[in-house]
Amino acid sequence: MIATPLAQAATTPSHLPTETRPWGSFTTLEEGNGYKIKRIEVNPGHRLSLQMHHHRSEHWIVVSGTARIVCGDKEELLEPNQSTYVPQCTAHRLENPGVIKLVLIEVQNGEYLGEDDIIRFQDDYARG
């Protein structure tokens, strides 16, 4: 049996909607009372806005690629099978400094998980 890297072997079921963004895409895998699970893909050399959320915290688990994480005043690089926690009301950013696609699983917890719970402090794509 030939071993296949997890990120290459994984596929997103076609019935789950994927939303495209300038930096890559995300797919909501599951959502319930007080939580949401997403698969996030960040293209090489791209990053999400420096942002915060009033109503949720996030856990990020790297599946493949390399993630540069800014969370508050801390910056770290994460490799596959490493994770980090983003507290509610904390400025944070996710970046792919590598040459392959970054894939991670995000678990959101909170009272409100809408996509409009976002305050952007800086954005490479001039979104508000």
Protein backbone atom coordinates (compact mmCIF):
# COMPACT_ATOMS: atom_id res chain seq x y z
CA MET A 1 0.00 0.00 0.00
CA ILE A 2 1.35 3.43 -0.94
CA ALA A 3 1.00 6.11 1.71
CA THR A 4 -0.79 9.24 0.54
CA PRO A 5 -0.47 12.55 2.39
CA LEU A 6 -3.69 13.33 4.25
CA ALA A 7 -4.34 16.60 2.40
CA GLN A 8 -4.13 14.90 -1.00
CA ALA A 9 -6.33 12.01 0.05
CA ALA A 10 -9.05 14.23 1.56
CA THR A 11 -11.90 15.43 -0.59
CA THR A 12 -14.78 17.72 0.26
CA PRO A 13 -18.21 16.16 -0.33
CA SER A 14 -19.91 17.90 -3.26
CA HIS A 15 -23.09 18.60 -1.27
CA LEU A 16 -21.20 20.95 1.07
CA PRO A 17 -21.00 24.50 -0.30
CA THR A 18 -17.52 25.99 -0.69
CA GLU A 19 -17.16 29.76 -0.52
CA THR A 20 -14.34 31.34 -2.50
CA ARG A 21 -12.37 34.28 -1.16
CA PRO A 22 -9.42 36.26 -2.64
CA TRP A 23 -7.03 34.26 -0.41
CA GLY A 24 -8.51 30.78 -1.08
CA SER A 25 -11.72 29.13 0.12
CA PHE A 26 -13.61 27.59 3.01
CA THR A 27 -16.20 24.84 3.38
CA THR A 28 -18.51 24.51 6.36
CA LEU A 29 -18.33 20.83 7.32
CA GLU A 30 -20.72 20.88 10.28
CA GLU A 31 -22.66 23.40 12.32
CA GLY A 32 -24.58 23.02 15.55
CA ASN A 33 -25.69 24.95 18.61
CA GLY A 34 -22.66 27.01 19.66
CA TYR A 35 -20.14 25.53 17.22
CA LYS A 36 -19.12 25.45 13.54
CA ILE A 37 -16.41 23.36 11.82
CA LYS A 38 -14.76 24.59 8.62
CA ARG A 39 -12.11 23.33 6.21
CA ILE A 40 -10.04 26.37 5.18
CA GLU A 41 -7.64 26.44 2.22
CA VAL A 42 -5.19 29.35 1.85
CA ASN A 43 -3.30 29.73 -1.40
CA PRO A 44 0.53 30.02 -1.29
CA GLY A 45 1.66 33.57 -0.50
CA HIS A 46 -1.80 34.73 0.62
CA ARG A 47 -3.21 35.72 3.98
CA LEU A 48 -6.52 36.55 5.60
CA SER A 49 -7.24 39.96 7.07
CA LEU A 50 -5.97 40.98 10.50
CA GLN A 51 -9.30 40.59 12.29
CA MET A 52 -11.20 39.84 15.47
CA HIS A 53 -14.58 38.43 16.44
CA HIS A 54 -16.80 39.65 19.28
CA HIS A 55 -18.84 36.48 19.68
CA ARG A 56 -16.57 33.51 19.02
CA SER A 57 -13.24 31.86 19.71
CA GLU A 58 -11.47 29.60 17.19
CA HIS A 59 -9.23 26.53 17.25
CA TRP A 60 -7.04 25.97 14.17
CA ILE A 61 -5.49 22.58 13.31
CA VAL A 62 -3.05 22.42 10.37
CA VAL A 63 -3.68 19.48 8.02
CA SER A 64 -1.10 20.30 5.35
CA GLY A 65 1.24 23.14 4.46
CA THR A 66 2.67 25.76 6.79
CA ALA A 67 0.67 28.39 8.66
CA ARG A 68 2.01 31.68 9.95
CA ILE A 69 -0.28 32.72 12.79
CA VAL A 70 -0.54 36.11 14.42
CA CYS A 71 -2.64 36.05 17.59
CA GLY A 72 -2.53 39.12 19.79
CA ASP A 73 1.16 40.02 20.17
CA LYS A 74 2.34 36.44 19.43
CA GLU A 75 3.49 35.10 16.04
CA GLU A 76 4.18 31.42 15.34
CA LEU A 77 4.67 28.95 12.49
CA LEU A 78 2.58 25.78 12.56
CA GLU A 79 3.21 22.57 10.62
CA PRO A 80 0.81 19.65 9.98
CA ASN A 81 -0.73 18.17 13.14
CA GLN A 82 -0.03 21.35 15.15
CA SER A 83 -2.75 23.63 16.45
CA THR A 84 -3.46 26.95 18.13
CA TYR A 85 -6.28 28.68 19.98
CA VAL A 86 -7.62 32.15 19.11
CA PRO A 87 -9.53 33.70 22.04
CA GLN A 88 -12.65 35.78 21.48
CA CYS A 89 -11.98 39.53 20.97
CA THR A 90 -8.30 38.91 20.04
CA ALA A 91 -6.76 40.35 16.85
CA HIS A 92 -5.50 37.48 14.67
CA ARG A 93 -4.34 36.61 11.17
CA LEU A 94 -3.70 33.43 9.21
CA GLU A 95 -1.09 33.38 6.43
CA ASN A 96 0.38 30.79 4.06
CA PRO A 97 4.09 31.60 3.68
CA GLY A 98 4.75 28.31 1.86
CA VAL A 99 4.70 27.09 -1.75
CA ILE A 100 1.88 24.55 -1.35
CA LYS A 101 -1.73 25.14 -0.37
CA LEU A 102 -2.35 25.48 3.39
CA VAL A 103 -5.25 23.31 4.59
CA LEU A 104 -6.56 23.60 8.11
CA ILE A 105 -9.60 22.73 10.17
CA GLU A 106 -11.18 25.55 12.12
CA VAL A 107 -13.50 24.90 15.05
CA GLN A 108 -15.51 27.94 16.10
CA ASN A 109 -17.23 28.16 19.49
CA GLY A 110 -19.54 30.94 20.60
CA GLU A 111 -22.99 32.41 20.98
CA TYR A 112 -23.08 33.80 17.42
CA LEU A 113 -21.14 32.33 14.48
CA GLY A 114 -22.27 34.47 11.54
CA GLU A 115 -19.79 35.56 8.86
CA ASP A 116 -20.62 39.19 9.71
CA ASP A 117 -19.04 38.90 13.20
CA ILE A 118 -15.75 40.27 11.93
CA ILE A 119 -13.83 43.47 12.57
CA ARG A 120 -11.05 43.92 10.00
CA PHE A 121 -8.03 45.97 11.10
CA GLN A 122 -5.98 45.40 7.91
CA ASP A 123 -6.88 43.62 4.68
CA ASP A 124 -4.74 42.94 1.60
CA TYR A 125 -7.90 42.88 -0.55
CA ALA A 126 -9.43 46.21 0.62
CA ARG A 127 -12.53 44.60 2.13
CA GLY A 128 -14.33 46.56 4.86
